[in-house]
Amino acid sequence: VCLTCCSRESMVRINQICHKNGIKFFTGDVFGYHGYMFADLGDHEFVEEKPKVPKASAGVQDGPEAKRPRLEPAETTMVKK
């Protein structure tokens, strides 16, 4: 559902109905150079890529590339919101 040019009370009421029924809701308006946009997309899942941090060894120091610990490729984890 997309709304524009509505009173705040109408937007809140319609958003509550959409949210309760799992319907995505968008509203916005423009006033000259200023405007706003609001989106209620409900619950969703997304993937966030997090790099795996290698464990530091006690005796390892900065040096040539061959002696530096190798980093494993980034690990992808599922984050639910």
Protein backbone atom coordinates (compact mmCIF):
# COMPACT_ATOMS: atom_id res chain seq x y z
CA VAL A 1 0.00 0.00 0.00
CA CYS A 2 1.35 3.45 -0.95
CA LEU A 3 -0.06 6.67 0.50
CA THR A 4 0.62 10.34 -0.22
CA CYS A 5 -1.12 13.58 0.79
CA CYS A 6 -2.87 12.00 3.80
CA SER A 7 -3.32 13.18 7.36
CA ARG A 8 -1.06 11.66 10.02
CA GLU A 9 -4.05 9.95 11.65
CA SER A 10 -5.01 8.25 8.36
CA MET A 11 -1.42 7.09 7.77
CA VAL A 12 -1.10 5.62 11.27
CA ARG A 13 -4.47 3.85 11.05
CA ILE A 14 -3.81 2.36 7.61
CA ASN A 15 -0.26 1.34 8.60
CA GLN A 16 -1.61 -0.50 11.66
CA ILE A 17 -4.08 -2.41 9.46
CA CYS A 18 -1.34 -3.27 6.93
CA HIS A 19 1.13 -4.30 9.64
CA LYS A 20 -1.44 -6.57 11.31
CA ASN A 21 -2.15 -8.31 7.98
CA GLY A 22 1.48 -8.59 6.81
CA ILE A 23 1.08 -6.05 3.98
CA LYS A 24 4.00 -3.77 3.08
CA PHE A 25 3.28 -0.06 3.62
CA PHE A 26 4.88 3.06 2.10
CA THR A 27 4.00 6.70 2.66
CA GLY A 28 5.60 10.01 1.85
CA ASP A 29 5.08 13.57 0.75
CA VAL A 30 7.05 16.56 -0.53
CA PHE A 31 6.81 20.17 0.62
CA GLY A 32 8.96 22.32 -1.70
CA TYR A 33 12.57 21.38 -0.91
CA HIS A 34 11.62 19.17 2.04
CA GLY A 35 9.92 15.82 2.18
CA TYR A 36 9.67 12.53 4.00
CA MET A 37 9.28 8.85 3.28
CA PHE A 38 8.30 6.00 5.61
CA ALA A 39 8.26 2.28 4.87
CA ASP A 40 6.94 -0.52 7.11
CA LEU A 41 8.10 -3.74 5.46
CA GLY A 42 7.34 -5.98 8.41
CA ASP A 43 9.65 -8.79 9.46
CA HIS A 44 12.29 -9.90 6.98
CA GLU A 45 15.52 -11.88 6.82
CA PHE A 46 18.76 -10.71 5.27
CA VAL A 47 22.29 -12.02 4.81
CA GLU A 48 25.20 -10.18 6.37
CA GLU A 49 28.75 -11.07 5.36
CA LYS A 50 31.22 -11.02 8.26
CA PRO A 51 34.97 -11.60 7.83
CA LYS A 52 36.47 -14.37 9.91
CA VAL A 53 39.11 -12.99 12.29
CA PRO A 54 42.23 -15.22 12.54
CA LYS A 55 43.57 -16.01 15.99
CA ALA A 56 46.85 -14.23 16.69
CA SER A 57 49.82 -16.47 17.46
CA ALA A 58 52.15 -15.42 20.28
CA GLY A 59 55.37 -15.67 18.21
CA VAL A 60 54.11 -14.15 14.93
CA GLN A 61 55.34 -10.65 14.08
CA ASP A 62 55.19 -8.46 11.00
CA GLY A 63 57.37 -9.79 8.23
CA PRO A 64 57.40 -10.96 4.65
CA GLU A 65 54.15 -12.10 3.07
CA ALA A 66 55.18 -15.77 3.32
CA LYS A 67 55.40 -15.60 7.12
CA ARG A 68 52.13 -13.71 7.71
CA PRO A 69 49.13 -15.82 8.72
CA ARG A 70 46.71 -16.43 5.89
CA LEU A 71 43.24 -14.99 6.22
CA GLU A 72 40.38 -17.33 5.48
CA PRO A 73 37.71 -16.08 3.08
CA ALA A 74 34.79 -14.15 4.54
CA GLU A 75 32.18 -16.28 6.26
CA THR A 76 28.54 -15.57 5.45
CA THR A 77 26.07 -15.84 8.30
CA MET A 78 22.27 -15.52 8.24
CA VAL A 79 20.99 -12.74 10.49
CA LYS A 80 17.27 -12.81 11.24
CA LYS A 81 15.38 -9.67 12.21
